Amino acid sequence: MNVLPLIPRSHTPRTPADGPSAAELDAIEDEMPVIDAEVELLDAQIAVLDRTPSELDGQRLRRARRRLLAARRALANQHSAPEVA
């Protein structure tokens, strides 16, 4: 028989029903431009899975990649910039 140690309430893991904390929601909000850009790139890639990409498809893929890189750069710069009060 296994005996489980008693864990104080403050150290118990959160359940999904508790929902995300305010800090987690803020982090998700900060990352939304990156998430949106990733979805746009994925949509462009899915569109050309079963056919040869046309010139328009190529432009859409390049635009989606550039948007994703720009969003990632902006997020990285946002986190590396010193906070000014």
N, C-alpha and C. Protein backbone atom coordinates (compact mmCIF):
# COMPACT_ATOMS: atom_id res chain seq x y z
N MET A 1 0.84 -1.17 0.00
CA MET A 1 0.00 0.00 0.00
C MET A 1 0.89 1.24 0.00
N ASN A 2 0.60 2.18 -0.91
CA ASN A 2 1.35 3.43 -0.98
C ASN A 2 0.70 4.48 -0.09
N VAL A 3 1.53 5.17 0.66
CA VAL A 3 1.04 6.25 1.51
C VAL A 3 1.44 7.56 0.86
N LEU A 4 0.47 8.40 0.60
CA LEU A 4 0.74 9.68 -0.01
C LEU A 4 1.05 10.71 1.07
N PRO A 5 2.09 11.51 0.86
CA PRO A 5 2.41 12.54 1.85
C PRO A 5 1.35 13.65 1.82
N LEU A 6 1.16 14.28 2.95
CA LEU A 6 0.22 15.40 3.00
C LEU A 6 0.89 16.62 2.39
N ILE A 7 0.18 17.26 1.50
CA ILE A 7 0.71 18.44 0.81
C ILE A 7 -0.14 19.64 1.21
N PRO A 8 0.49 20.71 1.67
CA PRO A 8 -0.30 21.89 2.03
C PRO A 8 -1.08 22.42 0.82
N ARG A 9 -2.20 23.03 1.05
CA ARG A 9 -3.08 23.52 -0.02
C ARG A 9 -2.34 24.47 -0.96
N SER A 10 -1.42 25.27 -0.44
CA SER A 10 -0.71 26.23 -1.28
C SER A 10 0.23 25.55 -2.27
N HIS A 11 0.56 24.30 -2.06
CA HIS A 11 1.47 23.59 -2.94
C HIS A 11 0.78 22.59 -3.86
N THR A 12 -0.53 22.55 -3.81
CA THR A 12 -1.23 21.61 -4.68
C THR A 12 -1.29 22.18 -6.09
N PRO A 13 -1.16 21.34 -7.08
CA PRO A 13 -1.23 21.84 -8.46
C PRO A 13 -2.62 22.35 -8.78
N ARG A 14 -2.66 23.37 -9.62
CA ARG A 14 -3.95 23.92 -10.04
C ARG A 14 -4.62 22.95 -10.99
N THR A 15 -5.91 22.95 -10.96
CA THR A 15 -6.67 22.13 -11.89
C THR A 15 -7.09 23.01 -13.07
N PRO A 16 -7.38 22.43 -14.21
CA PRO A 16 -7.83 23.23 -15.36
C PRO A 16 -9.07 24.06 -15.05
N ALA A 17 -9.88 23.63 -14.10
CA ALA A 17 -11.08 24.37 -13.75
C ALA A 17 -10.75 25.71 -13.10
N ASP A 18 -9.53 25.82 -12.50
CA ASP A 18 -9.11 27.07 -11.88
C ASP A 18 -8.89 28.14 -12.93
N GLY A 19 -8.53 27.75 -14.14
CA GLY A 19 -8.30 28.70 -15.21
C GLY A 19 -6.93 29.34 -15.10
N PRO A 20 -6.54 30.06 -16.14
CA PRO A 20 -5.23 30.70 -16.13
C PRO A 20 -5.19 31.90 -15.19
N SER A 21 -4.01 32.18 -14.68
CA SER A 21 -3.85 33.33 -13.79
C SER A 21 -3.79 34.60 -14.63
N ALA A 22 -3.83 35.73 -13.97
CA ALA A 22 -3.76 37.02 -14.67
C ALA A 22 -2.42 37.15 -15.39
N ALA A 23 -1.35 36.67 -14.77
CA ALA A 23 -0.02 36.74 -15.41
C ALA A 23 0.02 35.88 -16.66
N GLU A 24 -0.60 34.70 -16.60
CA GLU A 24 -0.64 33.83 -17.77
C GLU A 24 -1.47 34.45 -18.89
N LEU A 25 -2.57 35.09 -18.54
CA LEU A 25 -3.39 35.76 -19.55
C LEU A 25 -2.65 36.93 -20.18
N ASP A 26 -1.87 37.66 -19.38
CA ASP A 26 -1.06 38.76 -19.92
C ASP A 26 -0.01 38.23 -20.89
N ALA A 27 0.62 37.10 -20.54
CA ALA A 27 1.63 36.51 -21.41
C ALA A 27 1.01 36.06 -22.72
N ILE A 28 -0.17 35.47 -22.66
CA ILE A 28 -0.86 35.04 -23.87
C ILE A 28 -1.20 36.25 -24.74
N GLU A 29 -1.67 37.32 -24.10
CA GLU A 29 -2.01 38.53 -24.84
C GLU A 29 -0.77 39.12 -25.52
N ASP A 30 0.37 39.08 -24.84
CA ASP A 30 1.62 39.57 -25.43
C ASP A 30 2.02 38.74 -26.64
N GLU A 31 1.71 37.44 -26.61
CA GLU A 31 2.12 36.53 -27.68
C GLU A 31 1.09 36.42 -28.81
N MET A 32 -0.04 37.08 -28.70
CA MET A 32 -1.09 36.94 -29.73
C MET A 32 -0.63 37.33 -31.13
N PRO A 33 0.16 38.39 -31.33
CA PRO A 33 0.62 38.67 -32.69
C PRO A 33 1.44 37.52 -33.28
N VAL A 34 2.24 36.86 -32.45
CA VAL A 34 3.02 35.71 -32.93
C VAL A 34 2.09 34.55 -33.26
N ILE A 35 1.12 34.31 -32.41
CA ILE A 35 0.17 33.21 -32.64
C ILE A 35 -0.62 33.46 -33.92
N ASP A 36 -1.08 34.69 -34.11
CA ASP A 36 -1.83 35.03 -35.33
C ASP A 36 -0.96 34.83 -36.57
N ALA A 37 0.30 35.25 -36.50
CA ALA A 37 1.21 35.10 -37.64
C ALA A 37 1.49 33.62 -37.92
N GLU A 38 1.62 32.81 -36.87
CA GLU A 38 1.83 31.37 -37.07
C GLU A 38 0.62 30.73 -37.74
N VAL A 39 -0.57 31.15 -37.36
CA VAL A 39 -1.79 30.62 -37.97
C VAL A 39 -1.86 31.02 -39.45
N GLU A 40 -1.50 32.27 -39.74
CA GLU A 40 -1.50 32.73 -41.13
C GLU A 40 -0.52 31.92 -41.98
N LEU A 41 0.68 31.68 -41.44
CA LEU A 41 1.67 30.87 -42.17
C LEU A 41 1.17 29.45 -42.36
N LEU A 42 0.58 28.88 -41.33
CA LEU A 42 0.05 27.52 -41.44
C LEU A 42 -1.05 27.44 -42.49
N ASP A 43 -1.91 28.45 -42.53
CA ASP A 43 -2.97 28.48 -43.56
C ASP A 43 -2.36 28.52 -44.96
N ALA A 44 -1.33 29.32 -45.13
CA ALA A 44 -0.68 29.42 -46.44
C ALA A 44 -0.02 28.10 -46.82
N GLN A 45 0.60 27.43 -45.84
CA GLN A 45 1.24 26.14 -46.12
C GLN A 45 0.22 25.07 -46.44
N ILE A 46 -0.89 25.06 -45.74
CA ILE A 46 -1.95 24.08 -46.00
C ILE A 46 -2.53 24.27 -47.40
N ALA A 47 -2.64 25.52 -47.82
CA ALA A 47 -3.23 25.81 -49.13
C ALA A 47 -2.42 25.21 -50.27
N VAL A 48 -1.13 25.03 -50.08
CA VAL A 48 -0.29 24.52 -51.18
C VAL A 48 0.18 23.09 -50.96
N LEU A 49 -0.41 22.39 -50.02
CA LEU A 49 0.01 21.02 -49.74
C LEU A 49 -0.19 20.09 -50.93
N ASP A 50 -1.32 20.20 -51.58
CA ASP A 50 -1.67 19.22 -52.62
C ASP A 50 -1.54 19.76 -54.04
N ARG A 51 -0.84 20.88 -54.20
CA ARG A 51 -0.66 21.42 -55.54
C ARG A 51 0.66 22.18 -55.63
N THR A 52 1.06 22.43 -56.83
CA THR A 52 2.28 23.22 -57.04
C THR A 52 1.96 24.67 -56.74
N PRO A 53 2.76 25.31 -55.89
CA PRO A 53 2.46 26.71 -55.55
C PRO A 53 2.58 27.64 -56.75
N SER A 54 1.60 28.49 -56.91
CA SER A 54 1.64 29.50 -57.97
C SER A 54 2.47 30.69 -57.47
N GLU A 55 2.65 31.68 -58.34
CA GLU A 55 3.38 32.88 -57.93
C GLU A 55 2.65 33.57 -56.78
N LEU A 56 1.33 33.61 -56.84
CA LEU A 56 0.55 34.21 -55.77
C LEU A 56 0.71 33.45 -54.46
N ASP A 57 0.73 32.12 -54.54
CA ASP A 57 0.95 31.30 -53.34
C ASP A 57 2.33 31.58 -52.74
N GLY A 58 3.33 31.71 -53.61
CA GLY A 58 4.67 32.01 -53.14
C GLY A 58 4.73 33.34 -52.43
N GLN A 59 4.04 34.33 -52.97
CA GLN A 59 3.99 35.63 -52.32
C GLN A 59 3.30 35.55 -50.97
N ARG A 60 2.22 34.78 -50.92
CA ARG A 60 1.50 34.63 -49.65
C ARG A 60 2.37 33.94 -48.60
N LEU A 61 3.12 32.91 -49.01
CA LEU A 61 4.02 32.22 -48.08
C LEU A 61 5.12 33.16 -47.59
N ARG A 62 5.73 33.91 -48.51
CA ARG A 62 6.80 34.84 -48.11
C ARG A 62 6.27 35.92 -47.17
N ARG A 63 5.09 36.44 -47.48
CA ARG A 63 4.48 37.48 -46.64
C ARG A 63 4.19 36.93 -45.24
N ALA A 64 3.68 35.70 -45.18
CA ALA A 64 3.38 35.08 -43.88
C ALA A 64 4.65 34.83 -43.09
N ARG A 65 5.72 34.38 -43.75
CA ARG A 65 6.99 34.16 -43.05
C ARG A 65 7.56 35.48 -42.52
N ARG A 66 7.50 36.54 -43.36
CA ARG A 66 8.01 37.84 -42.91
C ARG A 66 7.19 38.37 -41.73
N ARG A 67 5.88 38.19 -41.79
CA ARG A 67 5.04 38.66 -40.69
C ARG A 67 5.36 37.90 -39.40
N LEU A 68 5.58 36.60 -39.50
CA LEU A 68 5.93 35.80 -38.33
C LEU A 68 7.27 36.24 -37.76
N LEU A 69 8.26 36.44 -38.62
CA LEU A 69 9.57 36.89 -38.13
C LEU A 69 9.47 38.26 -37.47
N ALA A 70 8.69 39.15 -38.05
CA ALA A 70 8.53 40.49 -37.47
C ALA A 70 7.83 40.41 -36.11
N ALA A 71 6.83 39.55 -35.98
CA ALA A 71 6.12 39.40 -34.71
C ALA A 71 7.03 38.80 -33.65
N ARG A 72 7.83 37.81 -34.03
CA ARG A 72 8.78 37.21 -33.08
C ARG A 72 9.83 38.23 -32.65
N ARG A 73 10.32 39.03 -33.61
CA ARG A 73 11.32 40.06 -33.29
C ARG A 73 10.73 41.09 -32.33
N ALA A 74 9.50 41.53 -32.60
CA ALA A 74 8.85 42.51 -31.74
C ALA A 74 8.66 41.96 -30.33
N LEU A 75 8.26 40.69 -30.22
CA LEU A 75 8.09 40.08 -28.91
C LEU A 75 9.42 39.97 -28.17
N ALA A 76 10.46 39.56 -28.89
CA ALA A 76 11.78 39.45 -28.25
C ALA A 76 12.29 40.82 -27.81
N ASN A 77 12.10 41.83 -28.63
CA ASN A 77 12.53 43.17 -28.26
C ASN A 77 11.72 43.72 -27.09
N GLN A 78 10.45 43.37 -27.05
CA GLN A 78 9.58 43.82 -25.96
C GLN A 78 10.06 43.26 -24.62
N HIS A 79 10.51 42.01 -24.62
CA HIS A 79 10.94 41.38 -23.38
C HIS A 79 12.39 41.75 -23.02
N SER A 80 13.18 42.16 -23.99
CA SER A 80 14.57 42.49 -23.69
C SER A 80 14.76 43.97 -23.39
N ALA A 81 13.76 44.80 -23.73
CA ALA A 81 13.87 46.23 -23.48
C ALA A 81 13.69 46.51 -21.98
N PRO A 82 14.51 47.42 -21.45
CA PRO A 82 14.35 47.73 -20.02
C PRO A 82 13.04 48.48 -19.76
N GLU A 83 12.45 48.22 -18.62
CA GLU A 83 11.20 48.87 -18.26
C GLU A 83 11.50 50.31 -17.86
N VAL A 84 10.75 51.25 -18.42
CA VAL A 84 10.90 52.65 -18.07
C VAL A 84 9.67 53.08 -17.31
N ALA A 85 9.90 53.63 -16.12
CA ALA A 85 8.76 54.02 -15.26
C ALA A 85 8.35 55.44 -15.51
